[in-house]
N, C-alpha and C. Protein backbone atom coordinates (compact mmCIF):
# COMPACT_ATOMS: atom_id res chain seq x y z
N UNK A 1 0.78 -1.15 0.00
CA UNK A 1 0.00 0.00 0.00
C UNK A 1 0.85 1.26 0.00
N UNK A 2 1.81 1.10 0.67
CA UNK A 2 2.69 2.25 0.66
C UNK A 2 3.30 2.44 -0.71
N UNK A 3 3.57 1.36 -1.36
CA UNK A 3 4.13 1.45 -2.68
C UNK A 3 3.16 2.12 -3.62
N UNK A 4 1.93 1.75 -3.47
CA UNK A 4 0.91 2.35 -4.30
C UNK A 4 0.77 3.81 -3.94
N UNK A 5 0.90 4.04 -2.66
CA UNK A 5 0.77 5.42 -2.23
C UNK A 5 1.92 6.23 -2.78
N UNK A 6 3.08 5.58 -2.79
CA UNK A 6 4.23 6.28 -3.33
C UNK A 6 4.10 6.37 -4.84
N UNK A 7 3.71 5.27 -5.43
CA UNK A 7 3.59 5.27 -6.87
C UNK A 7 2.52 6.26 -7.28
N UNK A 8 1.51 6.33 -6.46
CA UNK A 8 0.44 7.24 -6.78
C UNK A 8 0.89 8.69 -6.61
N UNK A 9 1.70 8.87 -5.63
CA UNK A 9 2.18 10.22 -5.36
C UNK A 9 3.03 10.71 -6.52
N UNK A 10 3.99 9.88 -6.95
CA UNK A 10 4.86 10.27 -8.04
C UNK A 10 4.09 10.35 -9.35
N UNK A 11 3.14 9.45 -9.50
CA UNK A 11 2.37 9.46 -10.72
C UNK A 11 1.42 10.64 -10.72
N UNK A 12 0.87 10.89 -9.56
CA UNK A 12 -0.09 11.97 -9.44
C UNK A 12 0.57 13.29 -9.82
N UNK A 13 1.77 13.49 -9.41
CA UNK A 13 2.46 14.77 -9.70
C UNK A 13 3.35 14.67 -10.93
N UNK A 14 3.55 13.58 -11.52
CA UNK A 14 4.34 13.36 -12.72
C UNK A 14 5.82 13.39 -12.44
N UNK A 15 6.19 12.82 -11.32
CA UNK A 15 7.61 12.82 -10.94
C UNK A 15 8.16 11.46 -11.29
N UNK A 16 9.31 11.45 -11.97
CA UNK A 16 10.03 10.23 -12.29
C UNK A 16 11.22 10.20 -11.36
N UNK A 17 11.32 9.17 -10.55
CA UNK A 17 12.35 9.05 -9.53
C UNK A 17 13.71 9.03 -10.19
N UNK A 18 13.90 8.31 -11.25
CA UNK A 18 15.19 8.21 -11.91
C UNK A 18 15.61 9.60 -12.38
N UNK A 19 14.66 10.28 -12.96
CA UNK A 19 14.96 11.61 -13.45
C UNK A 19 15.25 12.56 -12.28
N UNK A 20 14.55 12.40 -11.18
CA UNK A 20 14.75 13.23 -9.99
C UNK A 20 16.14 12.99 -9.42
N UNK A 21 16.56 11.74 -9.36
CA UNK A 21 17.90 11.42 -8.85
C UNK A 21 18.94 11.98 -9.81
N UNK A 22 18.74 11.86 -11.11
CA UNK A 22 19.71 12.36 -12.09
C UNK A 22 19.83 13.88 -11.97
N UNK A 23 18.68 14.53 -11.79
CA UNK A 23 18.73 15.99 -11.64
C UNK A 23 19.40 16.38 -10.33
N UNK A 24 19.18 15.59 -9.26
CA UNK A 24 19.84 15.87 -7.99
C UNK A 24 21.33 15.71 -8.15
N UNK A 25 21.76 14.64 -8.89
CA UNK A 25 23.20 14.44 -9.14
C UNK A 25 23.73 15.59 -9.97
N UNK A 26 22.99 15.98 -11.00
CA UNK A 26 23.43 17.12 -11.85
C UNK A 26 23.53 18.40 -11.01
N UNK A 27 22.56 18.62 -10.13
CA UNK A 27 22.57 19.79 -9.27
C UNK A 27 23.80 19.79 -8.38
N UNK A 28 24.12 18.60 -7.80
CA UNK A 28 25.30 18.51 -6.95
C UNK A 28 26.56 18.75 -7.75
N UNK A 29 26.63 18.22 -8.98
CA UNK A 29 27.80 18.43 -9.84
C UNK A 29 27.93 19.92 -10.14
N UNK A 30 26.83 20.55 -10.48
CA UNK A 30 26.87 21.98 -10.81
C UNK A 30 27.29 22.78 -9.57
N UNK A 31 26.76 22.41 -8.39
CA UNK A 31 27.14 23.08 -7.15
C UNK A 31 28.63 22.92 -6.92
N UNK A 32 29.16 21.71 -7.10
CA UNK A 32 30.59 21.47 -6.90
C UNK A 32 31.43 22.26 -7.91
N UNK A 33 31.02 22.23 -9.16
CA UNK A 33 31.76 22.95 -10.20
C UNK A 33 31.71 24.44 -9.94
N UNK A 34 30.50 24.95 -9.68
CA UNK A 34 30.38 26.39 -9.40
C UNK A 34 31.16 26.77 -8.15
N UNK A 35 31.12 25.91 -7.13
CA UNK A 35 31.84 26.18 -5.90
C UNK A 35 33.33 26.23 -6.17
N UNK A 36 33.83 25.27 -6.95
CA UNK A 36 35.26 25.20 -7.20
C UNK A 36 35.73 26.30 -8.14
N UNK A 37 35.00 26.55 -9.23
CA UNK A 37 35.48 27.45 -10.26
C UNK A 37 34.89 28.86 -10.19
N UNK A 38 33.81 29.05 -9.47
CA UNK A 38 33.22 30.39 -9.43
C UNK A 38 33.21 30.92 -8.00
N UNK A 39 32.59 30.20 -7.08
CA UNK A 39 32.39 30.71 -5.73
C UNK A 39 33.71 30.93 -5.00
N UNK A 40 34.60 29.93 -5.01
CA UNK A 40 35.87 30.08 -4.29
C UNK A 40 36.73 31.20 -4.89
N UNK A 41 36.92 31.23 -6.22
CA UNK A 41 37.70 32.35 -6.77
C UNK A 41 37.05 33.70 -6.49
N UNK A 42 35.70 33.72 -6.59
CA UNK A 42 34.99 34.97 -6.30
C UNK A 42 35.17 35.35 -4.84
N UNK A 43 35.07 34.37 -3.95
CA UNK A 43 35.28 34.62 -2.53
C UNK A 43 36.72 35.09 -2.28
N UNK A 44 37.68 34.47 -2.97
CA UNK A 44 39.09 34.86 -2.84
C UNK A 44 39.29 36.31 -3.30
N UNK A 45 38.69 36.63 -4.45
CA UNK A 45 38.81 38.00 -4.99
C UNK A 45 38.17 38.99 -4.01
N UNK A 46 37.04 38.63 -3.44
CA UNK A 46 36.36 39.53 -2.50
C UNK A 46 37.19 39.70 -1.23
N UNK A 47 37.83 38.63 -0.76
CA UNK A 47 38.69 38.75 0.43
C UNK A 47 39.90 39.64 0.12
N UNK A 48 40.50 39.42 -1.07
CA UNK A 48 41.63 40.26 -1.45
C UNK A 48 41.21 41.72 -1.54
N UNK A 49 40.06 41.95 -2.14
CA UNK A 49 39.57 43.33 -2.27
C UNK A 49 39.27 43.92 -0.90
N UNK A 50 38.67 43.11 -0.01
CA UNK A 50 38.41 43.57 1.35
C UNK A 50 39.73 43.91 2.04
N UNK A 51 40.74 43.04 1.83
CA UNK A 51 42.07 43.31 2.40
C UNK A 51 42.66 44.59 1.86
N UNK A 52 42.54 44.80 0.53
CA UNK A 52 43.07 46.03 -0.08
C UNK A 52 42.33 47.25 0.46
N UNK A 53 41.01 47.13 0.61
CA UNK A 53 40.23 48.26 1.12
C UNK A 53 40.64 48.56 2.56
N UNK A 54 40.78 47.49 3.36
CA UNK A 54 41.21 47.71 4.75
C UNK A 54 42.60 48.32 4.80
N UNK A 55 43.52 47.82 3.94
CA UNK A 55 44.88 48.38 3.89
C UNK A 55 44.82 49.84 3.45
N UNK A 56 43.95 50.13 2.46
CA UNK A 56 43.78 51.51 2.00
C UNK A 56 43.27 52.41 3.11
N UNK A 57 42.33 51.90 3.89
CA UNK A 57 41.80 52.68 5.02
C UNK A 57 42.88 52.91 6.07
N UNK A 58 43.67 51.85 6.34
CA UNK A 58 44.77 51.99 7.31
C UNK A 58 45.80 52.99 6.80
N UNK A 59 46.13 52.88 5.49
CA UNK A 59 47.09 53.82 4.91
C UNK A 59 46.54 55.25 4.96
N UNK A 60 45.25 55.40 4.71
CA UNK A 60 44.64 56.73 4.76
C UNK A 60 44.72 57.29 6.18
N UNK A 61 44.44 56.44 7.17
CA UNK A 61 44.54 56.90 8.56
C UNK A 61 45.98 57.24 8.90
N UNK A 62 46.89 56.38 8.45
CA UNK A 62 48.32 56.63 8.70
C UNK A 62 48.75 57.94 8.02
N UNK A 63 48.28 58.14 6.80
CA UNK A 63 48.61 59.37 6.08
C UNK A 63 48.02 60.59 6.78
N UNK A 64 46.81 60.43 7.30
CA UNK A 64 46.19 61.55 8.03
C UNK A 64 47.00 61.89 9.27
N UNK A 65 47.48 60.86 9.97
CA UNK A 65 48.31 61.09 11.16
C UNK A 65 49.62 61.75 10.75
N UNK A 66 50.23 61.22 9.66
CA UNK A 66 51.49 61.81 9.19
C UNK A 66 51.28 63.26 8.75
N UNK A 67 50.16 63.52 8.08
CA UNK A 67 49.87 64.89 7.66
C UNK A 67 49.70 65.80 8.86
N UNK A 68 49.01 65.32 9.87
CA UNK A 68 48.82 66.10 11.09
C UNK A 68 50.16 66.37 11.76
N UNK A 69 51.01 65.34 11.82
CA UNK A 69 52.35 65.51 12.41
C UNK A 69 53.17 66.49 11.59
N UNK A 70 53.05 66.38 10.25
CA UNK A 70 53.79 67.30 9.38
C UNK A 70 53.31 68.73 9.59
N UNK A 71 52.01 68.91 9.70
CA UNK A 71 51.45 70.25 9.92
C UNK A 71 51.96 70.83 11.25
N UNK A 72 52.00 69.98 12.28
CA UNK A 72 52.52 70.43 13.58
C UNK A 72 53.99 70.81 13.44
N UNK A 73 54.76 69.95 12.76
CA UNK A 73 56.19 70.23 12.57
C UNK A 73 56.38 71.51 11.78
N UNK A 74 55.55 71.68 10.72
CA UNK A 74 55.67 72.88 9.89
C UNK A 74 55.36 74.13 10.70
N UNK A 75 54.33 74.06 11.54
CA UNK A 75 53.98 75.21 12.38
C UNK A 75 55.09 75.51 13.38
N UNK A 76 55.64 74.45 13.99
CA UNK A 76 56.74 74.65 14.93
C UNK A 76 57.96 75.22 14.23
N UNK A 77 58.26 74.70 13.04
CA UNK A 77 59.41 75.18 12.27
C UNK A 77 59.20 76.64 11.87
N UNK A 78 57.98 76.97 11.47
CA UNK A 78 57.68 78.36 11.11
C UNK A 78 57.89 79.27 12.31
N UNK A 79 57.38 78.85 13.47
CA UNK A 79 57.55 79.65 14.68
C UNK A 79 59.02 79.78 15.04
N UNK A 80 59.77 78.68 14.90
CA UNK A 80 61.20 78.72 15.21
C UNK A 80 61.92 79.68 14.25
N UNK A 81 61.57 79.61 12.97
CA UNK A 81 62.18 80.49 11.99
C UNK A 81 61.83 81.95 12.29
N UNK A 82 60.59 82.19 12.69
CA UNK A 82 60.19 83.56 13.03
C UNK A 82 60.95 84.07 14.25
N UNK A 83 61.10 83.19 15.26
CA UNK A 83 61.86 83.59 16.45
C UNK A 83 63.31 83.87 16.07
N UNK A 84 63.89 83.00 15.24
CA UNK A 84 65.27 83.19 14.82
C UNK A 84 65.42 84.50 14.05
N UNK A 85 64.48 84.75 13.14
CA UNK A 85 64.53 85.98 12.36
C UNK A 85 64.37 87.20 13.27
N UNK A 86 63.47 87.10 14.23
CA UNK A 86 63.25 88.20 15.16
C UNK A 86 64.50 88.47 15.99
N UNK A 87 65.10 87.40 16.49
CA UNK A 87 66.34 87.55 17.27
C UNK A 87 67.44 88.16 16.40
N UNK A 88 67.53 87.73 15.15
CA UNK A 88 68.55 88.26 14.24
C UNK A 88 68.30 89.74 13.97
N UNK A 89 67.02 90.10 13.79
CA UNK A 89 66.69 91.51 13.55
C UNK A 89 67.07 92.36 14.76
N UNK A 90 66.79 91.86 15.96
CA UNK A 90 67.17 92.59 17.17
C UNK A 90 68.68 92.75 17.24
N UNK A 91 69.40 91.69 16.90
CA UNK A 91 70.86 91.73 16.93
C UNK A 91 71.37 92.74 15.89
N UNK A 92 70.79 92.72 14.70
CA UNK A 92 71.20 93.65 13.65
C UNK A 92 70.90 95.09 14.07
N UNK A 93 69.72 95.31 14.67
CA UNK A 93 69.39 96.65 15.15
C UNK A 93 70.36 97.11 16.22
N UNK A 94 70.70 96.20 17.13
CA UNK A 94 71.64 96.53 18.20
C UNK A 94 73.00 96.90 17.60
N UNK A 95 73.47 96.08 16.63
CA UNK A 95 74.75 96.36 15.99
C UNK A 95 74.70 97.70 15.25
N UNK A 96 73.56 97.99 14.60
CA UNK A 96 73.42 99.24 13.88
C UNK A 96 73.47 100.43 14.84
N UNK A 97 72.78 100.29 15.99
CA UNK A 97 72.82 101.37 16.99
C UNK A 97 74.24 101.55 17.53
N UNK A 98 74.93 100.43 17.78
CA UNK A 98 76.30 100.53 18.28
C UNK A 98 77.20 101.20 17.25
N UNK A 99 77.04 100.81 15.97
CA UNK A 99 77.85 101.43 14.91
C UNK A 99 77.53 102.90 14.78
N UNK A 100 76.21 103.23 14.84
CA UNK A 100 75.80 104.63 14.73
C UNK A 100 76.41 105.43 15.88
N UNK A 101 76.33 104.88 17.12
CA UNK A 101 76.89 105.58 18.27
C UNK A 101 78.39 105.75 18.13
N UNK A 102 79.06 104.70 17.62
CA UNK A 102 80.51 104.78 17.43
C UNK A 102 80.85 105.84 16.38
N UNK A 103 80.07 105.89 15.30
CA UNK A 103 80.31 106.89 14.25
C UNK A 103 80.07 108.29 14.80
N UNK A 104 78.98 108.45 15.56
CA UNK A 104 78.68 109.76 16.15
C UNK A 104 79.80 110.18 17.10
N UNK A 105 80.24 109.24 17.92
CA UNK A 105 81.33 109.53 18.86
C UNK A 105 82.60 109.92 18.10
N UNK A 106 82.91 109.19 17.02
CA UNK A 106 84.11 109.50 16.24
C UNK A 106 83.97 110.87 15.57
N UNK A 107 82.78 111.17 15.06
CA UNK A 107 82.55 112.47 14.43
C UNK A 107 82.71 113.59 15.47
N UNK A 108 82.17 113.36 16.68
CA UNK A 108 82.32 114.37 17.73
C UNK A 108 83.79 114.56 18.10
N UNK A 109 84.53 113.43 18.19
CA UNK A 109 85.96 113.54 18.49
C UNK A 109 86.68 114.29 17.39
N UNK A 110 86.35 113.94 16.13
CA UNK A 110 87.00 114.63 15.00
C UNK A 110 86.65 116.11 14.99
N UNK A 111 85.38 116.43 15.30
CA UNK A 111 84.97 117.83 15.33
C UNK A 111 85.71 118.58 16.45
N UNK A 112 85.82 117.95 17.61
CA UNK A 112 86.54 118.57 18.73
C UNK A 112 88.00 118.76 18.36
N UNK A 113 88.58 117.74 17.73
CA UNK A 113 89.98 117.83 17.32
C UNK A 113 90.16 118.97 16.32
N UNK A 114 89.25 119.05 15.35
CA UNK A 114 89.34 120.12 14.35
C UNK A 114 89.16 121.48 15.03
N UNK A 115 88.24 121.54 15.99
CA UNK A 115 88.02 122.79 16.72
C UNK A 115 89.29 123.19 17.49
N UNK A 116 89.87 122.17 18.18
CA UNK A 116 91.09 122.45 18.94
C UNK A 116 92.22 122.89 18.02
N UNK A 117 92.34 122.20 16.86
CA UNK A 117 93.40 122.56 15.91
C UNK A 117 93.18 123.97 15.36
N UNK A 118 91.91 124.27 15.04
CA UNK A 118 91.61 125.61 14.52
C UNK A 118 91.89 126.67 15.58
N UNK A 119 91.53 126.36 16.81
CA UNK A 119 91.78 127.30 17.91
C UNK A 119 93.27 127.51 18.10
N UNK A 120 94.01 126.39 18.07
CA UNK A 120 95.47 126.48 18.24
C UNK A 120 96.09 127.26 17.09
N UNK A 121 95.63 126.98 15.88
CA UNK A 121 96.16 127.68 14.71
C UNK A 121 95.84 129.17 14.78
N UNK A 122 94.60 129.49 15.21
CA UNK A 122 94.22 130.89 15.35
C UNK A 122 95.07 131.57 16.41
N UNK A 123 95.33 130.84 17.50
CA UNK A 123 96.16 131.38 18.56
C UNK A 123 97.58 131.64 18.06
N UNK A 124 98.10 130.66 17.30
CA UNK A 124 99.46 130.84 16.76
C UNK A 124 99.51 132.01 15.80
N UNK A 125 98.45 132.10 14.95
CA UNK A 125 98.41 133.23 14.00
C UNK A 125 98.34 134.54 14.76
N UNK A 126 97.53 134.55 15.83
CA UNK A 126 97.41 135.76 16.64
C UNK A 126 98.75 136.12 17.29
N UNK A 127 99.41 135.09 17.86
CA UNK A 127 100.70 135.32 18.51
C UNK A 127 101.72 135.83 17.50
N UNK A 128 101.72 135.22 16.31
CA UNK A 128 102.65 135.67 15.27
C UNK A 128 102.35 137.09 14.86
N UNK A 129 101.03 137.39 14.74
CA UNK A 129 100.65 138.75 14.35
C UNK A 129 101.04 139.75 15.43
N UNK A 130 100.81 139.36 16.70
CA UNK A 130 101.17 140.25 17.81
C UNK A 130 102.69 140.44 17.84
N UNK A 131 103.42 139.32 17.67
CA UNK A 131 104.89 139.42 17.69
C UNK A 131 105.37 140.32 16.55
N UNK A 132 104.77 140.13 15.38
CA UNK A 132 105.15 140.95 14.21
C UNK A 132 104.80 142.41 14.46
N UNK A 133 103.59 142.62 15.05
CA UNK A 133 103.18 144.00 15.34
C UNK A 133 104.10 144.61 16.38
N UNK A 134 104.49 143.81 17.39
CA UNK A 134 105.39 144.33 18.42
C UNK A 134 106.73 144.71 17.80
N UNK A 135 107.19 143.87 16.89
CA UNK A 135 108.45 144.17 16.23
C UNK A 135 108.35 145.47 15.44
N UNK A 136 107.27 145.59 14.69
CA UNK A 136 107.10 146.78 13.87
C UNK A 136 106.91 148.02 14.75
N UNK A 137 106.12 147.86 15.82
CA UNK A 137 105.90 148.99 16.73
C UNK A 137 107.23 149.36 17.40
N UNK A 138 107.98 148.34 17.81
CA UNK A 138 109.27 148.61 18.43
C UNK A 138 110.20 149.34 17.47
N UNK A 139 110.19 148.90 16.21
CA UNK A 139 111.03 149.55 15.22
C UNK A 139 110.57 150.99 14.99
N UNK A 140 109.24 151.18 14.93
CA UNK A 140 108.71 152.52 14.74
C UNK A 140 109.02 153.42 15.95
N UNK A 141 108.90 152.86 17.12
CA UNK A 141 109.19 153.63 18.33
C UNK A 141 110.67 154.02 18.33
N UNK A 142 111.50 153.09 17.96
CA UNK A 142 112.94 153.37 17.93
C UNK A 142 113.24 154.46 16.90
N UNK A 143 112.59 154.39 15.75
CA UNK A 143 112.81 155.39 14.71
C UNK A 143 112.34 156.75 15.18
N UNK A 144 111.17 156.76 15.82
CA UNK A 144 110.63 158.03 16.30
C UNK A 144 111.54 158.60 17.39
N UNK A 145 111.97 157.72 18.28
CA UNK A 145 112.84 158.19 19.34
C UNK A 145 114.16 158.69 18.76
N UNK A 146 114.65 158.02 17.75
CA UNK A 146 115.91 158.41 17.12
C UNK A 146 115.75 159.78 16.48
N UNK A 147 114.63 159.97 15.84
CA UNK A 147 114.40 161.24 15.19
C UNK A 147 114.23 162.33 16.24
N UNK A 148 113.55 161.94 17.32
CA UNK A 148 113.35 162.92 18.36
C UNK A 148 114.67 163.27 19.04
N UNK A 149 115.42 162.35 19.29
CA UNK A 149 116.67 162.57 19.99
C UNK A 149 117.76 162.99 19.02
N UNK A 150 117.52 162.77 17.81
CA UNK A 150 118.42 163.11 16.73
C UNK A 150 119.78 162.51 16.96
N UNK A 151 119.75 161.39 17.42
CA UNK A 151 121.03 160.72 17.55
C UNK A 151 120.88 159.30 17.06
N UNK A 152 121.92 158.76 16.72
CA UNK A 152 121.92 157.40 16.20
C UNK A 152 122.04 156.45 17.36
N UNK A 153 121.17 155.43 17.33
CA UNK A 153 121.21 154.42 18.39
C UNK A 153 121.75 153.13 17.78
N UNK A 154 122.38 152.38 18.65
CA UNK A 154 122.86 151.08 18.19
C UNK A 154 121.66 150.11 18.15
N UNK A 155 121.84 148.98 17.54
CA UNK A 155 120.75 147.98 17.43
C UNK A 155 120.33 147.51 18.80
N UNK A 156 121.25 147.29 19.71
CA UNK A 156 120.92 146.83 21.05
C UNK A 156 120.09 147.88 21.78
N UNK A 157 120.44 149.14 21.61
CA UNK A 157 119.70 150.21 22.26
C UNK A 157 118.29 150.29 21.68
N UNK A 158 118.20 150.13 20.36
CA UNK A 158 116.88 150.17 19.72
C UNK A 158 116.00 149.05 20.27
N UNK A 159 116.56 147.88 20.39
CA UNK A 159 115.81 146.73 20.89
C UNK A 159 115.39 146.95 22.33
N UNK A 160 116.28 147.45 23.13
CA UNK A 160 116.00 147.69 24.54
C UNK A 160 114.92 148.75 24.70
N UNK A 161 115.01 149.79 23.93
CA UNK A 161 114.03 150.85 23.98
C UNK A 161 112.67 150.36 23.49
N UNK A 162 112.65 149.52 22.46
CA UNK A 162 111.40 148.96 21.91
C UNK A 162 110.74 148.06 22.94
N UNK A 163 111.54 147.25 23.62
CA UNK A 163 110.99 146.36 24.64
C UNK A 163 110.38 147.17 25.77
N UNK A 164 111.05 148.23 26.18
CA UNK A 164 110.55 149.09 27.24
C UNK A 164 109.24 149.74 26.82
N UNK A 165 109.16 150.21 25.61
CA UNK A 165 107.94 150.85 25.10
C UNK A 165 106.81 149.82 25.01
N UNK A 166 107.14 148.62 24.60
CA UNK A 166 106.12 147.58 24.49
C UNK A 166 105.59 147.20 25.86
N UNK A 167 106.47 147.08 26.84
CA UNK A 167 106.02 146.73 28.18
C UNK A 167 105.08 147.80 28.72
N UNK A 168 105.43 149.06 28.48
CA UNK A 168 104.58 150.15 28.94
C UNK A 168 103.22 150.10 28.24
N UNK A 169 103.23 149.80 26.96
CA UNK A 169 101.97 149.71 26.22
C UNK A 169 101.14 148.51 26.71
N UNK A 170 101.80 147.41 26.98
CA UNK A 170 101.12 146.23 27.48
C UNK A 170 100.53 146.49 28.85
N UNK A 171 101.29 147.19 29.70
CA UNK A 171 100.79 147.51 31.04
C UNK A 171 99.57 148.41 30.95
N UNK A 172 99.62 149.39 30.05
CA UNK A 172 98.48 150.30 29.87
C UNK A 172 97.28 149.53 29.33
N UNK A 173 97.53 148.58 28.41
CA UNK A 173 96.44 147.79 27.82
C UNK A 173 95.82 146.90 28.90
N UNK A 174 96.62 146.34 29.78
CA UNK A 174 96.11 145.51 30.86
C UNK A 174 95.28 146.35 31.83
N UNK A 175 95.72 147.51 32.05
CA UNK A 175 95.02 148.39 32.99
C UNK A 175 93.67 148.80 32.44
N UNK A 176 93.55 149.00 31.15
CA UNK A 176 92.28 149.38 30.52
C UNK A 176 91.31 148.18 30.45
N UNK A 177 91.83 147.00 30.27
CA UNK A 177 91.00 145.83 30.11
C UNK A 177 90.61 145.31 31.43
């Protein structure tokens, strides 16, 4: 009865057991072939791609960290360069002020020296002029005295008389001043 029930079942639905087994075997063969030649290589390619994507993400994160570190380094280097430049500018300004002060001091010394030299030269010229004037005045006094006295004086007497006249004139000049 069961056979009839089974036979009836397969007959009722039009199922051929031999054909069903053959199709099941074919299905298993196709599953094995697809698994070996399609699914596994596809799975392998997907794993490789997943690995590449993960490596790419890790590299991107690593690059982001490196970029951040580089940006920090660049900012620090920029600040260091600015500090160095600022310190150098201060040093250059200080040297410029020192040089300017040294030049001013040298110019003042040179001006004082020139002033002193001019003063000394003027004094020497004045002394020479006074000496020359004294000589001429002494000679004139001697000539006048000679004419007044109508006698001839020797050179020593002329000099002595001129010196005496000059001293008297100098004393009178001191008394007036």
